[in-house]
Amino acid sequence: MVLPGVSEERPVKVADAIRLLVTRLHIYHPGAQRPYVTISVGVAAKSDATADELRLTRDADIALYTAKEHGRDCTIASSTMVASRQEVTSLASSLPDMERAQ
């Protein structure tokens, strides 16, 4: 989802509302850890440090995998995960490993 012209706070609220709505649907998921479908969401905001779409998508992916690692059914913003852009770059190198683990 792309929400142009807004700060990161607004997309986090929208993503969390969608997450809660999916939970309230009570879609049965047999054989899963949880009996009902839930979603995790990763949010990233475009800034000077994320000048291109690839970096923005990668930041959102990293936030998503972090949400899944924290027990799923949550929303994580990439800005809350790291203190600097350098740390995001180092996290990005571990993204393929995270994808294989899923």
N, C-alpha and C. Protein backbone atom coordinates (compact mmCIF):
# COMPACT_ATOMS: atom_id res chain seq x y z
N MET A 1 0.84 -1.15 0.00
CA MET A 1 0.00 0.00 0.00
C MET A 1 0.90 1.23 0.00
N VAL A 2 0.56 2.22 -0.78
CA VAL A 2 1.33 3.45 -0.84
C VAL A 2 0.41 4.59 -0.40
N LEU A 3 0.88 5.37 0.57
CA LEU A 3 0.13 6.52 1.06
C LEU A 3 1.01 7.76 0.91
N PRO A 4 0.94 8.40 -0.25
CA PRO A 4 1.83 9.54 -0.51
C PRO A 4 1.46 10.76 0.34
N GLY A 5 2.50 11.53 0.68
CA GLY A 5 2.29 12.80 1.34
C GLY A 5 1.92 12.73 2.80
N VAL A 6 2.20 11.62 3.45
CA VAL A 6 1.89 11.50 4.88
C VAL A 6 3.13 11.07 5.65
N SER A 7 3.15 11.39 6.94
CA SER A 7 4.26 10.93 7.78
C SER A 7 4.09 9.44 8.05
N GLU A 8 5.11 8.81 8.64
CA GLU A 8 5.06 7.37 8.89
C GLU A 8 3.97 7.00 9.88
N GLU A 9 3.62 7.90 10.74
CA GLU A 9 2.60 7.61 11.77
C GLU A 9 1.26 7.21 11.15
N ARG A 10 0.84 7.88 10.12
CA ARG A 10 -0.46 7.59 9.49
C ARG A 10 -0.51 6.20 8.86
N PRO A 11 0.48 5.81 8.04
CA PRO A 11 0.44 4.44 7.50
C PRO A 11 0.48 3.36 8.58
N VAL A 12 1.16 3.62 9.68
CA VAL A 12 1.18 2.64 10.77
C VAL A 12 -0.23 2.47 11.32
N LYS A 13 -0.95 3.57 11.50
CA LYS A 13 -2.33 3.49 12.00
C LYS A 13 -3.24 2.77 11.01
N VAL A 14 -3.09 3.06 9.73
CA VAL A 14 -3.90 2.40 8.69
C VAL A 14 -3.59 0.90 8.66
N ALA A 15 -2.31 0.56 8.68
CA ALA A 15 -1.91 -0.85 8.65
C ALA A 15 -2.42 -1.59 9.88
N ASP A 16 -2.35 -0.96 11.03
CA ASP A 16 -2.83 -1.60 12.25
C ASP A 16 -4.35 -1.79 12.22
N ALA A 17 -5.07 -0.83 11.65
CA ALA A 17 -6.53 -0.97 11.52
C ALA A 17 -6.88 -2.14 10.60
N ILE A 18 -6.16 -2.27 9.50
CA ILE A 18 -6.39 -3.39 8.57
C ILE A 18 -6.08 -4.72 9.28
N ARG A 19 -4.98 -4.75 10.02
CA ARG A 19 -4.60 -5.95 10.75
C ARG A 19 -5.70 -6.37 11.73
N LEU A 20 -6.24 -5.41 12.45
CA LEU A 20 -7.31 -5.72 13.40
C LEU A 20 -8.59 -6.18 12.70
N LEU A 21 -8.89 -5.58 11.55
CA LEU A 21 -10.08 -6.00 10.80
C LEU A 21 -9.94 -7.44 10.31
N VAL A 22 -8.76 -7.81 9.83
CA VAL A 22 -8.53 -9.19 9.38
C VAL A 22 -8.72 -10.14 10.56
N THR A 23 -8.20 -9.79 11.71
CA THR A 23 -8.35 -10.63 12.90
C THR A 23 -9.82 -10.82 13.25
N ARG A 24 -10.59 -9.75 13.16
CA ARG A 24 -12.02 -9.81 13.50
C ARG A 24 -12.85 -10.63 12.52
N LEU A 25 -12.31 -10.91 11.35
CA LEU A 25 -13.03 -11.75 10.38
C LEU A 25 -13.12 -13.20 10.83
N HIS A 26 -12.23 -13.62 11.73
CA HIS A 26 -12.19 -14.99 12.25
C HIS A 26 -12.19 -16.02 11.12
N ILE A 27 -11.25 -15.84 10.20
CA ILE A 27 -11.09 -16.79 9.10
C ILE A 27 -10.34 -18.01 9.65
N TYR A 28 -11.00 -19.13 9.68
CA TYR A 28 -10.43 -20.35 10.24
C TYR A 28 -9.22 -20.81 9.43
N HIS A 29 -8.17 -21.19 10.13
CA HIS A 29 -6.92 -21.62 9.49
C HIS A 29 -6.50 -22.95 10.12
N PRO A 30 -7.05 -24.06 9.60
CA PRO A 30 -6.75 -25.36 10.20
C PRO A 30 -5.27 -25.71 10.09
N GLY A 31 -4.75 -26.31 11.13
CA GLY A 31 -3.37 -26.77 11.11
C GLY A 31 -2.33 -25.71 11.39
N ALA A 32 -2.76 -24.47 11.60
CA ALA A 32 -1.81 -23.40 11.87
C ALA A 32 -1.60 -23.25 13.38
N GLN A 33 -0.56 -22.50 13.75
CA GLN A 33 -0.29 -22.26 15.17
C GLN A 33 -1.47 -21.56 15.84
N ARG A 34 -2.07 -20.65 15.11
CA ARG A 34 -3.23 -19.92 15.61
C ARG A 34 -4.44 -20.43 14.85
N PRO A 35 -5.59 -20.54 15.51
CA PRO A 35 -6.75 -21.10 14.82
C PRO A 35 -7.32 -20.20 13.73
N TYR A 36 -7.01 -18.91 13.78
CA TYR A 36 -7.56 -17.97 12.81
C TYR A 36 -6.44 -17.20 12.10
N VAL A 37 -6.74 -16.76 10.90
CA VAL A 37 -5.79 -16.00 10.09
C VAL A 37 -5.52 -14.65 10.75
N THR A 38 -4.25 -14.30 10.82
CA THR A 38 -3.82 -12.96 11.25
C THR A 38 -2.81 -12.47 10.23
N ILE A 39 -2.52 -11.20 10.26
CA ILE A 39 -1.49 -10.66 9.37
C ILE A 39 -0.48 -9.85 10.16
N SER A 40 0.71 -9.79 9.63
CA SER A 40 1.75 -8.91 10.14
C SER A 40 2.04 -7.89 9.04
N VAL A 41 2.40 -6.68 9.46
CA VAL A 41 2.62 -5.62 8.48
C VAL A 41 3.93 -4.91 8.78
N GLY A 42 4.70 -4.66 7.74
CA GLY A 42 5.91 -3.85 7.84
C GLY A 42 5.68 -2.54 7.13
N VAL A 43 6.01 -1.45 7.79
CA VAL A 43 5.79 -0.10 7.24
C VAL A 43 7.13 0.61 7.12
N ALA A 44 7.31 1.30 6.00
CA ALA A 44 8.51 2.12 5.79
C ALA A 44 8.08 3.44 5.19
N ALA A 45 8.73 4.51 5.62
CA ALA A 45 8.43 5.84 5.10
C ALA A 45 9.58 6.30 4.22
N LYS A 46 9.25 6.97 3.15
CA LYS A 46 10.28 7.48 2.25
C LYS A 46 10.92 8.72 2.88
N SER A 47 12.24 8.75 2.82
CA SER A 47 13.00 9.88 3.35
C SER A 47 14.20 10.09 2.44
N ASP A 48 15.08 11.01 2.83
CA ASP A 48 16.30 11.21 2.05
C ASP A 48 17.14 9.93 2.01
N ALA A 49 17.07 9.15 3.09
CA ALA A 49 17.85 7.91 3.17
C ALA A 49 17.26 6.80 2.29
N THR A 50 15.96 6.90 1.98
CA THR A 50 15.31 5.89 1.13
C THR A 50 14.89 6.57 -0.17
N ALA A 51 15.85 7.05 -0.90
CA ALA A 51 15.59 7.83 -2.10
C ALA A 51 15.00 7.02 -3.24
N ASP A 52 15.17 5.72 -3.23
CA ASP A 52 14.61 4.93 -4.33
C ASP A 52 13.64 3.88 -3.80
N GLU A 53 12.84 3.35 -4.71
CA GLU A 53 11.78 2.41 -4.35
C GLU A 53 12.33 1.09 -3.82
N LEU A 54 13.48 0.67 -4.33
CA LEU A 54 14.07 -0.58 -3.87
C LEU A 54 14.42 -0.51 -2.38
N ARG A 55 15.05 0.57 -1.96
CA ARG A 55 15.38 0.72 -0.54
C ARG A 55 14.12 0.83 0.31
N LEU A 56 13.14 1.53 -0.18
CA LEU A 56 11.89 1.67 0.56
C LEU A 56 11.21 0.31 0.73
N THR A 57 11.16 -0.47 -0.34
CA THR A 57 10.57 -1.80 -0.29
C THR A 57 11.38 -2.70 0.63
N ARG A 58 12.68 -2.62 0.57
CA ARG A 58 13.54 -3.44 1.42
C ARG A 58 13.32 -3.09 2.90
N ASP A 59 13.20 -1.81 3.22
CA ASP A 59 12.94 -1.39 4.60
C ASP A 59 11.60 -1.96 5.08
N ALA A 60 10.58 -1.90 4.22
CA ALA A 60 9.28 -2.45 4.59
C ALA A 60 9.36 -3.96 4.78
N ASP A 61 10.11 -4.65 3.92
CA ASP A 61 10.30 -6.10 4.04
C ASP A 61 10.98 -6.47 5.36
N ILE A 62 12.01 -5.72 5.70
CA ILE A 62 12.73 -5.99 6.94
C ILE A 62 11.78 -5.79 8.13
N ALA A 63 10.98 -4.73 8.09
CA ALA A 63 10.01 -4.49 9.17
C ALA A 63 9.00 -5.63 9.24
N LEU A 64 8.55 -6.13 8.08
CA LEU A 64 7.60 -7.25 8.04
C LEU A 64 8.19 -8.50 8.68
N TYR A 65 9.41 -8.86 8.29
CA TYR A 65 10.03 -10.05 8.86
C TYR A 65 10.28 -9.89 10.36
N THR A 66 10.58 -8.67 10.78
CA THR A 66 10.74 -8.40 12.21
C THR A 66 9.42 -8.61 12.94
N ALA A 67 8.33 -8.17 12.34
CA ALA A 67 7.00 -8.38 12.94
C ALA A 67 6.71 -9.87 13.07
N LYS A 68 7.04 -10.64 12.06
CA LYS A 68 6.82 -12.09 12.10
C LYS A 68 7.67 -12.74 13.19
N GLU A 69 8.90 -12.27 13.33
CA GLU A 69 9.78 -12.81 14.36
C GLU A 69 9.30 -12.49 15.77
N HIS A 70 8.54 -11.41 15.91
CA HIS A 70 8.03 -11.00 17.22
C HIS A 70 6.67 -11.61 17.53
N GLY A 71 6.36 -12.71 16.91
CA GLY A 71 5.13 -13.42 17.26
C GLY A 71 3.99 -13.21 16.29
N ARG A 72 4.22 -12.51 15.24
CA ARG A 72 3.20 -12.27 14.21
C ARG A 72 2.06 -11.42 14.74
N ASP A 73 1.06 -11.18 13.89
CA ASP A 73 -0.11 -10.39 14.25
C ASP A 73 0.27 -9.05 14.87
N CYS A 74 1.18 -8.33 14.19
CA CYS A 74 1.55 -7.00 14.68
C CYS A 74 2.00 -6.13 13.51
N THR A 75 2.14 -4.85 13.81
CA THR A 75 2.60 -3.87 12.83
C THR A 75 3.91 -3.29 13.33
N ILE A 76 4.91 -3.27 12.46
CA ILE A 76 6.23 -2.73 12.82
C ILE A 76 6.62 -1.67 11.78
N ALA A 77 7.08 -0.52 12.26
CA ALA A 77 7.61 0.53 11.38
C ALA A 77 9.12 0.40 11.34
N SER A 78 9.69 0.53 10.17
CA SER A 78 11.15 0.37 10.05
C SER A 78 11.89 1.41 10.88
N SER A 79 11.32 2.58 11.07
CA SER A 79 12.00 3.62 11.84
C SER A 79 12.13 3.26 13.31
N THR A 80 11.27 2.40 13.82
CA THR A 80 11.35 2.02 15.23
C THR A 80 12.37 0.90 15.47
N MET A 81 12.86 0.31 14.40
CA MET A 81 13.76 -0.84 14.52
C MET A 81 15.22 -0.45 14.67
N VAL A 82 15.59 0.68 14.09
CA VAL A 82 17.01 1.02 14.03
C VAL A 82 17.23 2.48 14.37
N ALA A 83 18.43 2.76 14.82
CA ALA A 83 18.77 4.13 15.19
C ALA A 83 19.40 4.90 14.03
N SER A 84 19.90 4.18 13.04
CA SER A 84 20.54 4.89 11.93
C SER A 84 20.36 4.13 10.62
N ARG A 85 20.57 4.82 9.55
CA ARG A 85 20.46 4.23 8.21
C ARG A 85 21.50 3.13 8.02
N GLN A 86 22.65 3.26 8.64
CA GLN A 86 23.69 2.24 8.53
C GLN A 86 23.19 0.90 9.03
N GLU A 87 22.44 0.92 10.13
CA GLU A 87 21.93 -0.33 10.69
C GLU A 87 20.93 -0.98 9.74
N VAL A 88 20.11 -0.17 9.05
CA VAL A 88 19.15 -0.73 8.10
C VAL A 88 19.91 -1.43 6.98
N THR A 89 21.00 -0.83 6.52
CA THR A 89 21.78 -1.44 5.46
C THR A 89 22.32 -2.79 5.92
N SER A 90 22.78 -2.89 7.16
CA SER A 90 23.29 -4.17 7.64
C SER A 90 22.16 -5.17 7.81
N LEU A 91 20.98 -4.73 8.19
CA LEU A 91 19.83 -5.63 8.28
C LEU A 91 19.44 -6.14 6.90
N ALA A 92 19.55 -5.29 5.90
CA ALA A 92 19.15 -5.67 4.54
C ALA A 92 19.95 -6.86 4.04
N SER A 93 21.20 -6.95 4.45
CA SER A 93 22.01 -8.08 3.97
C SER A 93 21.51 -9.41 4.54
N SER A 94 20.77 -9.37 5.66
CA SER A 94 20.26 -10.61 6.24
C SER A 94 18.88 -10.96 5.71
N LEU A 95 18.28 -10.13 4.88
CA LEU A 95 16.93 -10.37 4.37
C LEU A 95 16.82 -11.70 3.63
N PRO A 96 17.74 -12.08 2.74
CA PRO A 96 17.60 -13.38 2.08
C PRO A 96 17.57 -14.54 3.08
N ASP A 97 18.36 -14.44 4.15
CA ASP A 97 18.35 -15.49 5.18
C ASP A 97 16.99 -15.56 5.86
N MET A 98 16.40 -14.40 6.13
CA MET A 98 15.07 -14.36 6.75
C MET A 98 14.03 -15.00 5.85
N GLU A 99 14.13 -14.70 4.54
CA GLU A 99 13.15 -15.25 3.59
C GLU A 99 13.24 -16.77 3.53
N ARG A 100 14.46 -17.31 3.55
CA ARG A 100 14.64 -18.77 3.53
C ARG A 100 14.10 -19.42 4.80
N ALA A 101 14.15 -18.70 5.91
CA ALA A 101 13.70 -19.26 7.19
C ALA A 101 12.18 -19.39 7.25
N GLN A 102 11.48 -18.68 6.42
CA GLN A 102 10.01 -18.69 6.47
C GLN A 102 9.43 -19.87 5.82
